[in-house]
Amino acid sequence: MADNDMHNNGSEPNTNSPLTWNPPDTHRFPPVMPPFPWETGQAGIGICELPGTISGVPEFPQISAQSYGQVRFINASTYNLPVNISIDGTVYSADAQFGTVSDYGWIADGFHSVTVHRATGPRTVLYEQTFPFVAGQMTTMVLTDYQSGGLDMVSISDTGCSNLPYNVSCFRFANMSYSGSAFDLLLNTGGIIFNNIGFQVVSPYKQAVAGTYRFIVTNANTLPTSQILPVIVTGSAGSAAVITQPFISFDAELAAGQNFTAYVIGSPWLSDFPLQVIVVRDAIPSVLQPLTAAPQDITGIV
């Protein structure tokens, strides 16, 4: 990691009655934008353009969709206390515990500072790093354990796998569990989907015929490329690898026209953070308003 990374070991004394951090009045939540005309079916409505101030409530800022992307956060770290994750001081994921997945929030194109700090007790900064964000792209940021202790952050693009054929979805596999791990992903029928996915590695998207699947996660094996299935299809069979520990199985319903990621998180040695898989839908458009609080008692505004 770069020299300007801040990696603390995250070791905080346990207490039976931890102090609660009360956010100051300036505590904010992620800026988000109203639905676009093509999302609402309301032709002729401009993007984030409202006609002036009404009843003393400020108008929405005029924001161009060409200047903003979207970002969400997943907490895959084994840090033993909840955290708040913010960008440039704006909280995007509050009180995030192990396995928490936030909603997408809007983020302006450019470089921004991502900060992780304790959500309870002293507002200790646990991690801080600057990342680039690109307009028009959707991103998932995963908080993980650092290879040599402390915390780390992985930036993953959720933009891609569009213009899918009829009745087809897209699916990928990400290993955000623990340093030194490497996994294979198999269908329960024996077909090999992804091979040797190491720690903090995300596979490419792969097309999957829509349906409900049972997947099996095993330790990585050295497999010839010819054994890996090019497309995920219900009932696909193949020459499976020898199943070794750690071993997890999970179900995923893959809907047509949508993208999904299965994230392996946790550890087989930590009872409070067990090895598990969470499956999330990617690139979910945000349709919320750009203000921290919605205007009250306003009528006639679309």
Protein backbone atom coordinates (compact mmCIF):
# COMPACT_ATOMS: atom_id res chain seq x y z
CA MET A 1 0.00 0.00 0.00
CA ALA A 2 1.05 3.60 -0.47
CA ASP A 3 2.93 5.46 2.23
CA ASN A 4 -0.07 7.67 2.92
CA ASP A 5 -2.20 4.67 3.93
CA MET A 6 -3.13 4.67 7.57
CA HIS A 7 -3.25 1.11 8.89
CA ASN A 8 -3.79 0.70 12.60
CA ASN A 9 -3.91 -2.70 14.21
CA GLY A 10 -7.49 -2.02 15.34
CA SER A 11 -6.81 -3.34 18.81
CA GLU A 12 -9.07 -1.47 21.21
CA PRO A 13 -9.65 -2.41 24.86
CA ASN A 14 -12.93 -4.21 25.47
CA THR A 15 -15.33 -2.68 27.99
CA ASN A 16 -18.67 -3.79 29.34
CA SER A 17 -20.09 -0.28 29.08
CA PRO A 18 -18.58 1.46 26.04
CA LEU A 19 -19.15 5.16 25.55
CA THR A 20 -21.50 6.13 22.75
CA TRP A 21 -20.31 8.66 20.20
CA ASN A 22 -23.06 11.18 19.49
CA PRO A 23 -22.59 12.72 16.03
CA PRO A 24 -22.31 16.52 15.98
CA ASP A 25 -24.92 18.68 14.31
CA THR A 26 -22.85 18.65 11.12
CA HIS A 27 -23.23 14.85 10.82
CA ARG A 28 -24.35 14.16 7.26
CA PHE A 29 -25.40 11.22 5.16
CA PRO A 30 -24.52 10.42 1.55
CA PRO A 31 -25.66 12.89 -1.11
CA VAL A 32 -28.11 11.24 -3.45
CA MET A 33 -30.08 12.36 -6.47
CA PRO A 34 -33.71 12.27 -7.62
CA PRO A 35 -34.86 9.77 -10.26
CA PHE A 36 -34.07 10.60 -13.85
CA PRO A 37 -36.87 11.04 -16.41
CA TRP A 38 -36.13 7.67 -18.01
CA GLU A 39 -36.42 5.99 -14.59
CA THR A 40 -39.79 7.55 -13.71
CA GLY A 41 -41.40 7.72 -17.16
CA GLN A 42 -42.03 11.46 -16.68
CA ALA A 43 -40.91 13.10 -19.88
CA GLY A 44 -39.68 16.66 -19.87
CA ILE A 45 -38.49 16.76 -16.25
CA GLY A 46 -34.94 18.07 -15.99
CA ILE A 47 -32.24 16.41 -13.93
CA CYS A 48 -32.21 17.88 -10.41
CA GLU A 49 -33.75 21.14 -11.58
CA LEU A 50 -36.41 22.62 -9.32
CA PRO A 51 -37.89 26.10 -9.77
CA GLY A 52 -36.47 28.17 -6.96
CA THR A 53 -37.06 28.28 -3.22
CA ILE A 54 -40.53 27.48 -1.91
CA SER A 55 -41.74 28.38 1.61
CA GLY A 56 -38.20 29.06 2.72
CA VAL A 57 -36.87 25.61 1.69
CA PRO A 58 -33.77 25.80 -0.52
CA GLU A 59 -33.99 24.39 -4.02
CA PHE A 60 -32.15 21.19 -4.91
CA PRO A 61 -28.66 21.77 -6.30
CA GLN A 62 -28.42 21.39 -10.06
CA ILE A 63 -26.38 18.24 -10.51
CA SER A 64 -25.42 16.69 -13.80
CA ALA A 65 -25.54 12.90 -14.03
CA GLN A 66 -22.42 13.14 -16.16
CA SER A 67 -20.51 14.42 -13.10
CA TYR A 68 -21.52 11.79 -10.55
CA GLY A 69 -21.04 8.09 -9.89
CA GLN A 70 -22.43 5.90 -7.11
CA VAL A 71 -20.70 4.04 -4.29
CA ARG A 72 -21.65 1.62 -1.51
CA PHE A 73 -19.69 -0.08 1.28
CA ILE A 74 -19.43 -3.64 2.62
CA ASN A 75 -17.82 -4.33 5.99
CA ALA A 76 -15.92 -7.62 5.65
CA SER A 77 -13.40 -6.84 8.40
CA THR A 78 -13.11 -8.75 11.64
CA TYR A 79 -12.67 -5.57 13.68
CA ASN A 80 -14.65 -6.22 16.87
CA LEU A 81 -16.62 -2.94 17.03
CA PRO A 82 -19.03 -1.21 14.62
CA VAL A 83 -17.53 1.50 12.42
CA ASN A 84 -18.65 4.56 10.49
CA ILE A 85 -17.35 4.95 6.94
CA SER A 86 -17.28 8.43 5.45
CA ILE A 87 -16.13 10.21 2.30
CA ASP A 88 -14.77 13.73 2.78
CA GLY A 89 -16.55 13.86 6.15
CA THR A 90 -19.94 12.65 4.88
CA VAL A 91 -21.05 9.36 6.42
CA TYR A 92 -21.99 6.75 3.81
CA SER A 93 -22.21 3.70 6.08
CA ALA A 94 -23.16 4.30 9.71
CA ASP A 95 -22.73 1.80 12.55
CA ALA A 96 -21.48 -0.83 10.09
CA GLN A 97 -20.84 -4.24 11.60
CA PHE A 98 -19.40 -7.41 10.08
CA GLY A 99 -21.39 -8.28 6.95
CA THR A 100 -23.15 -4.90 6.67
CA VAL A 101 -23.95 -3.74 3.10
CA SER A 102 -24.87 -0.07 2.65
CA ASP A 103 -27.10 1.46 -0.02
CA TYR A 104 -25.49 3.23 -2.96
CA GLY A 105 -24.86 6.95 -2.49
CA TRP A 106 -23.88 9.54 -5.09
CA ILE A 107 -20.27 10.69 -5.33
CA ALA A 108 -18.79 13.45 -7.49
CA ASP A 109 -16.20 12.57 -10.13
CA GLY A 110 -12.66 12.95 -8.80
CA PHE A 111 -10.43 11.97 -5.88
CA HIS A 112 -12.01 11.70 -2.42
CA SER A 113 -10.79 10.76 1.05
CA VAL A 114 -12.36 7.62 2.57
CA THR A 115 -12.16 7.41 6.36
CA VAL A 116 -13.12 4.61 8.74
CA HIS A 117 -13.52 5.36 12.44
CA ARG A 118 -15.09 3.77 15.47
CA ALA A 119 -18.85 4.24 15.75
CA THR A 120 -18.74 3.90 19.54
CA GLY A 121 -16.43 5.29 22.20
CA PRO A 122 -13.56 7.56 21.15
CA ARG A 123 -13.79 8.60 17.50
CA THR A 124 -10.59 6.73 16.65
CA VAL A 125 -9.54 6.79 12.99
CA LEU A 126 -8.86 3.19 11.93
CA TYR A 127 -8.17 3.72 8.23
CA GLU A 128 -7.84 6.62 5.79
CA GLN A 129 -6.96 6.67 2.10
CA THR A 130 -7.74 8.70 -1.04
CA PHE A 131 -9.48 6.92 -3.93
CA PRO A 132 -10.55 8.00 -7.42
CA PHE A 133 -14.26 7.91 -8.31
CA VAL A 134 -15.46 8.11 -11.90
CA ALA A 135 -18.67 9.72 -13.14
CA GLY A 136 -21.19 7.26 -14.52
CA GLN A 137 -19.64 4.30 -12.70
CA MET A 138 -21.00 2.31 -9.77
CA THR A 139 -18.49 1.10 -7.19
CA THR A 140 -18.47 -1.21 -4.18
CA MET A 141 -15.84 -0.48 -1.53
CA VAL A 142 -15.07 -3.46 0.72
CA LEU A 143 -13.48 -2.96 4.13
CA THR A 144 -11.23 -5.96 4.82
CA ASP A 145 -8.50 -7.01 7.21
CA TYR A 146 -5.01 -5.89 6.20
CA GLN A 147 -2.53 -8.64 5.39
CA SER A 148 -0.18 -7.61 8.21
CA GLY A 149 -2.81 -6.37 10.65
CA GLY A 150 -5.22 -3.47 10.79
CA LEU A 151 -7.74 -2.60 8.06
CA ASP A 152 -7.67 -2.24 4.30
CA MET A 153 -10.11 -1.14 1.57
CA VAL A 154 -10.73 -2.71 -1.84
CA SER A 155 -12.42 -0.73 -4.64
CA ILE A 156 -14.54 -2.87 -7.02
CA SER A 157 -16.30 -1.61 -10.14
CA ASP A 158 -19.93 -2.72 -10.44
CA THR A 159 -20.29 -1.24 -13.92
CA GLY A 160 -20.38 -3.84 -16.68
CA CYS A 161 -22.16 -6.91 -18.01
CA SER A 162 -24.93 -4.96 -19.74
CA ASN A 163 -27.04 -5.80 -22.81
CA LEU A 164 -27.59 -9.33 -21.57
CA PRO A 165 -29.38 -11.90 -23.73
CA TYR A 166 -32.92 -12.95 -22.85
CA ASN A 167 -33.27 -14.82 -19.54
CA VAL A 168 -29.60 -14.37 -18.65
CA SER A 169 -27.99 -12.76 -15.59
CA CYS A 170 -24.36 -12.09 -14.68
CA PHE A 171 -22.54 -13.51 -11.67
CA ARG A 172 -19.06 -13.18 -10.17
CA PHE A 173 -17.18 -14.33 -7.08
CA ALA A 174 -15.05 -12.25 -4.66
CA ASN A 175 -12.73 -13.39 -1.87
CA MET A 176 -12.71 -10.82 0.95
CA SER A 177 -12.07 -13.30 3.77
CA TYR A 178 -8.52 -13.59 5.14
CA SER A 179 -4.92 -13.20 4.00
CA GLY A 180 -3.44 -16.26 2.29
CA SER A 181 -6.81 -17.76 1.33
CA ALA A 182 -7.67 -18.96 -2.17
CA PHE A 183 -10.96 -20.59 -3.19
CA ASP A 184 -12.67 -22.42 -6.02
CA LEU A 185 -16.38 -22.01 -6.69
CA LEU A 186 -18.32 -25.05 -7.93
CA LEU A 187 -21.91 -25.92 -8.74
CA ASN A 188 -23.33 -28.62 -6.48
CA THR A 189 -23.55 -30.77 -9.62
CA GLY A 190 -19.78 -30.67 -9.97
CA GLY A 191 -19.22 -27.97 -12.57
CA ILE A 192 -16.32 -25.62 -11.81
CA ILE A 193 -17.29 -21.93 -12.10
CA PHE A 194 -14.24 -20.01 -10.83
CA ASN A 195 -10.79 -21.28 -9.92
CA ASN A 196 -8.11 -20.05 -7.49
CA ILE A 197 -9.66 -16.73 -6.39
CA GLY A 198 -7.16 -15.28 -3.91
CA PHE A 199 -7.61 -12.84 -1.04
CA GLN A 200 -8.95 -9.43 -2.20
CA VAL A 201 -9.43 -10.81 -5.73
CA VAL A 202 -12.68 -10.49 -7.70
CA SER A 203 -13.43 -12.77 -10.64
CA PRO A 204 -14.78 -11.40 -13.94
CA TYR A 205 -18.53 -11.54 -14.45
CA LYS A 206 -19.79 -14.74 -16.05
CA GLN A 207 -23.16 -15.21 -17.78
CA ALA A 208 -25.68 -17.40 -15.97
CA VAL A 209 -29.03 -18.64 -17.18
CA ALA A 210 -31.60 -17.17 -14.77
CA GLY A 211 -32.56 -19.53 -11.95
CA THR A 212 -31.76 -20.69 -8.43
CA TYR A 213 -28.36 -22.31 -7.92
CA ARG A 214 -26.51 -24.04 -5.12
CA PHE A 215 -22.82 -23.23 -5.06
CA ILE A 216 -19.95 -24.85 -3.17
CA VAL A 217 -16.81 -23.06 -2.00
CA THR A 218 -13.67 -25.15 -1.55
CA ASN A 219 -9.97 -24.55 -1.05
CA ALA A 220 -8.28 -23.82 -4.38
CA ASN A 221 -7.01 -26.69 -6.47
CA THR A 222 -4.80 -26.61 -9.56
CA LEU A 223 -7.24 -27.31 -12.38
CA PRO A 224 -6.90 -27.28 -16.17
CA THR A 225 -8.73 -24.39 -17.83
CA SER A 226 -10.74 -26.84 -19.95
CA GLN A 227 -12.63 -28.02 -16.84
CA ILE A 228 -14.03 -24.56 -16.03
CA LEU A 229 -17.58 -23.90 -17.28
CA PRO A 230 -17.80 -20.91 -19.66
CA VAL A 231 -21.48 -20.26 -18.79
CA ILE A 232 -23.43 -21.08 -15.62
CA VAL A 233 -26.39 -23.33 -16.42
CA THR A 234 -28.68 -25.22 -14.06
CA GLY A 235 -27.74 -28.89 -14.04
CA SER A 236 -24.28 -28.35 -15.53
CA ALA A 237 -21.96 -31.19 -14.59
CA GLY A 238 -18.21 -31.48 -14.80
CA SER A 239 -15.08 -32.90 -13.25
CA ALA A 240 -15.12 -31.32 -9.82
CA ALA A 241 -12.08 -30.67 -7.69
CA VAL A 242 -11.51 -32.69 -4.54
CA ILE A 243 -13.53 -30.92 -1.85
CA THR A 244 -11.21 -29.73 0.93
CA GLN A 245 -11.68 -27.48 3.95
CA PRO A 246 -12.84 -24.79 4.42
CA PHE A 247 -16.13 -25.88 2.88
CA ILE A 248 -19.25 -23.72 2.45
CA SER A 249 -22.39 -24.10 0.38
CA PHE A 250 -24.89 -21.36 -0.39
CA ASP A 251 -27.91 -20.71 -2.61
CA ALA A 252 -28.29 -17.80 -5.00
CA GLU A 253 -31.31 -16.79 -7.06
CA LEU A 254 -29.96 -15.13 -10.20
CA ALA A 255 -32.62 -12.99 -11.87
CA ALA A 256 -32.58 -12.26 -15.59
CA GLY A 257 -31.02 -8.97 -16.66
CA GLN A 258 -29.31 -8.35 -13.31
CA ASN A 259 -25.76 -8.58 -11.97
CA PHE A 260 -24.79 -10.36 -8.75
CA THR A 261 -21.61 -10.80 -6.69
CA ALA A 262 -20.99 -13.50 -4.06
CA TYR A 263 -18.56 -12.24 -1.41
CA VAL A 264 -16.73 -14.71 0.84
CA ILE A 265 -16.05 -13.04 4.20
CA GLY A 266 -14.91 -14.10 7.65
CA SER A 267 -12.56 -16.77 8.91
CA PRO A 268 -12.83 -20.49 9.77
CA TRP A 269 -10.95 -19.79 13.02
CA LEU A 270 -13.03 -16.93 14.43
CA SER A 271 -16.38 -17.88 15.97
CA ASP A 272 -17.55 -14.24 16.04
CA PHE A 273 -16.74 -13.81 12.35
CA PRO A 274 -17.45 -17.21 10.77
CA LEU A 275 -16.58 -17.95 7.17
CA GLN A 276 -19.69 -17.22 5.10
CA VAL A 277 -20.96 -15.92 1.77
CA ILE A 278 -23.16 -12.89 1.15
CA VAL A 279 -24.75 -12.44 -2.28
CA VAL A 280 -25.59 -8.88 -3.34
CA ARG A 281 -27.20 -7.36 -6.43
CA ASP A 282 -24.92 -4.90 -8.20
CA ALA A 283 -25.60 -1.58 -9.91
CA ILE A 284 -28.88 -0.75 -8.15
CA PRO A 285 -29.77 2.82 -9.21
CA SER A 286 -30.41 5.30 -6.40
CA VAL A 287 -33.66 7.26 -6.64
CA LEU A 288 -33.38 9.29 -3.44
CA GLN A 289 -33.21 13.06 -3.11
CA PRO A 290 -29.91 15.01 -2.99
CA LEU A 291 -30.61 16.71 0.37
CA THR A 292 -29.84 15.21 3.79
CA ALA A 293 -33.49 15.73 4.76
CA ALA A 294 -36.45 15.72 2.39
CA PRO A 295 -38.34 19.06 2.16
CA GLN A 296 -41.52 19.16 4.24
CA ASP A 297 -44.96 20.59 3.32
CA ILE A 298 -44.09 21.17 -0.31
CA THR A 299 -46.70 20.36 -2.92
CA GLY A 300 -46.64 20.50 -6.66
CA ILE A 301 -42.99 19.44 -6.95
CA VAL A 302 -42.15 16.33 -8.91
